[in-house]
Amino acid sequence: MRDETVEQNRYQRALTALPGASRELSTAGHAVFWDVTGKILKEHPPAERPEPSCQGCEKRWPCEMAESAMQQVGVRA
């Protein structure tokens, strides 16, 4: 991302935090949870536009899906 906004930076921090967060829990049920959280983050990145929007659903970014996933990995606003 060329000129990274605060929210784009937050998204990158969430992607970086995901592997560490997913290692904390070792049960199979939690593994699926972290897989889904990672999938949501990858499917709902911020678009590179002047107006912040989600590439996955075209809603204002961060959309509800991305916001929830970022909070799950410990990245707050």
C-alpha atoms as a PDB file:
ATOM      1  CA  MET A   1       0.000   0.000   0.000  1.00  0.00           C
ATOM      2  CA  ARG A   2       1.525   3.250  -1.096  1.00  0.00           C
ATOM      3  CA  ASP A   3       0.308   5.868   1.370  1.00  0.00           C
ATOM      4  CA  GLU A   4      -0.752   3.733   4.270  1.00  0.00           C
ATOM      5  CA  THR A   5      -3.614   5.075   6.322  1.00  0.00           C
ATOM      6  CA  VAL A   6      -4.060   4.410  10.031  1.00  0.00           C
ATOM      7  CA  GLU A   7      -6.685   1.761   9.253  1.00  0.00           C
ATOM      8  CA  GLN A   8      -4.518   0.075   6.622  1.00  0.00           C
ATOM      9  CA  ASN A   9      -1.699  -0.002   9.152  1.00  0.00           C
ATOM     10  CA  ARG A  10      -4.085  -1.529  11.688  1.00  0.00           C
ATOM     11  CA  TYR A  11      -5.057  -4.188   9.151  1.00  0.00           C
ATOM     12  CA  GLN A  12      -1.396  -5.074   8.544  1.00  0.00           C
ATOM     13  CA  ARG A  13      -0.820  -5.339  12.296  1.00  0.00           C
ATOM     14  CA  ALA A  14      -3.794  -7.732  12.535  1.00  0.00           C
ATOM     15  CA  LEU A  15      -2.359  -9.955   9.790  1.00  0.00           C
ATOM     16  CA  THR A  16       0.980  -9.963  11.594  1.00  0.00           C
ATOM     17  CA  ALA A  17      -0.631 -10.757  14.978  1.00  0.00           C
ATOM     18  CA  LEU A  18      -2.731 -13.652  13.657  1.00  0.00           C
ATOM     19  CA  PRO A  19      -0.023 -16.378  13.761  1.00  0.00           C
ATOM     20  CA  GLY A  20       0.897 -15.538  17.359  1.00  0.00           C
ATOM     21  CA  ALA A  21      -2.704 -15.393  18.507  1.00  0.00           C
ATOM     22  CA  SER A  22      -3.549 -18.688  16.846  1.00  0.00           C
ATOM     23  CA  ARG A  23      -0.668 -20.520  18.581  1.00  0.00           C
ATOM     24  CA  GLU A  24      -1.971 -19.679  22.047  1.00  0.00           C
ATOM     25  CA  LEU A  25      -4.828 -22.166  21.773  1.00  0.00           C
ATOM     26  CA  SER A  26      -4.214 -25.776  20.828  1.00  0.00           C
ATOM     27  CA  THR A  27      -7.633 -27.413  20.608  1.00  0.00           C
ATOM     28  CA  ALA A  28      -9.117 -28.383  17.248  1.00  0.00           C
ATOM     29  CA  GLY A  29     -12.126 -26.133  17.725  1.00  0.00           C
ATOM     30  CA  HIS A  30      -9.904 -23.136  18.250  1.00  0.00           C
ATOM     31  CA  ALA A  31      -7.804 -24.008  15.201  1.00  0.00           C
ATOM     32  CA  VAL A  32     -10.916 -23.709  13.039  1.00  0.00           C
ATOM     33  CA  PHE A  33     -11.760 -20.390  14.717  1.00  0.00           C
ATOM     34  CA  TRP A  34      -8.325 -18.963  13.868  1.00  0.00           C
ATOM     35  CA  ASP A  35      -8.514 -20.333  10.322  1.00  0.00           C
ATOM     36  CA  VAL A  36     -11.843 -18.563   9.820  1.00  0.00           C
ATOM     37  CA  THR A  37     -10.499 -15.358  11.395  1.00  0.00           C
ATOM     38  CA  GLY A  38      -7.531 -15.430   8.997  1.00  0.00           C
ATOM     39  CA  LYS A  39      -9.813 -16.094   6.040  1.00  0.00           C
ATOM     40  CA  ILE A  40     -12.019 -13.134   6.991  1.00  0.00           C
ATOM     41  CA  LEU A  41      -8.990 -10.837   7.221  1.00  0.00           C
ATOM     42  CA  LYS A  42      -7.752 -11.969   3.814  1.00  0.00           C
ATOM     43  CA  GLU A  43     -11.187 -11.604   2.191  1.00  0.00           C
ATOM     44  CA  HIS A  44     -11.906  -8.148   3.666  1.00  0.00           C
ATOM     45  CA  PRO A  45      -8.793  -5.991   3.154  1.00  0.00           C
ATOM     46  CA  PRO A  46      -8.986  -2.220   2.788  1.00  0.00           C
ATOM     47  CA  ALA A  47      -9.187  -0.993  -0.804  1.00  0.00           C
ATOM     48  CA  GLU A  48      -6.576   1.471  -2.062  1.00  0.00           C
ATOM     49  CA  ARG A  49      -8.921   4.367  -2.662  1.00  0.00           C
ATOM     50  CA  PRO A  50      -9.261   7.851  -1.214  1.00  0.00           C
ATOM     51  CA  GLU A  51     -12.555   6.788   0.404  1.00  0.00           C
ATOM     52  CA  PRO A  52     -11.928   3.847   2.753  1.00  0.00           C
ATOM     53  CA  SER A  53     -13.875   0.798   1.590  1.00  0.00           C
ATOM     54  CA  CYS A  54     -13.651  -2.971   1.913  1.00  0.00           C
ATOM     55  CA  GLN A  55     -12.460  -4.939  -1.112  1.00  0.00           C
ATOM     56  CA  GLY A  56     -14.527  -7.928  -0.028  1.00  0.00           C
ATOM     57  CA  CYS A  57     -17.943  -6.390   0.487  1.00  0.00           C
ATOM     58  CA  GLU A  58     -17.617  -2.760  -0.750  1.00  0.00           C
ATOM     59  CA  LYS A  59     -18.872  -1.394   2.606  1.00  0.00           C
ATOM     60  CA  ARG A  60     -17.052   1.405   4.404  1.00  0.00           C
ATOM     61  CA  TRP A  61     -13.805   0.036   5.817  1.00  0.00           C
ATOM     62  CA  PRO A  62     -13.359  -1.450   8.301  1.00  0.00           C
ATOM     63  CA  CYS A  63     -16.510  -3.437   7.658  1.00  0.00           C
ATOM     64  CA  GLU A  64     -18.100  -5.398  10.496  1.00  0.00           C
ATOM     65  CA  MET A  65     -16.284  -8.585   9.445  1.00  0.00           C
ATOM     66  CA  ALA A  66     -12.829  -6.996   9.343  1.00  0.00           C
ATOM     67  CA  GLU A  67     -13.416  -5.063  12.569  1.00  0.00           C
ATOM     68  CA  SER A  68     -14.419  -8.200  14.448  1.00  0.00           C
ATOM     69  CA  ALA A  69     -11.497 -10.230  13.080  1.00  0.00           C
ATOM     70  CA  MET A  70      -8.979  -7.509  13.976  1.00  0.00           C
ATOM     71  CA  GLN A  71     -10.335  -7.354  17.515  1.00  0.00           C
ATOM     72  CA  GLN A  72     -10.105 -11.148  17.835  1.00  0.00           C
ATOM     73  CA  VAL A  73      -6.352 -10.987  17.245  1.00  0.00           C
ATOM     74  CA  GLY A  74      -6.008  -8.137  19.750  1.00  0.00           C
ATOM     75  CA  VAL A  75      -5.716  -5.175  17.378  1.00  0.00           C
ATOM     76  CA  ARG A  76      -8.018  -2.443  18.624  1.00  0.00           C
ATOM     77  CA  ALA A  77      -8.819   0.943  17.144  1.00  0.00           C
END
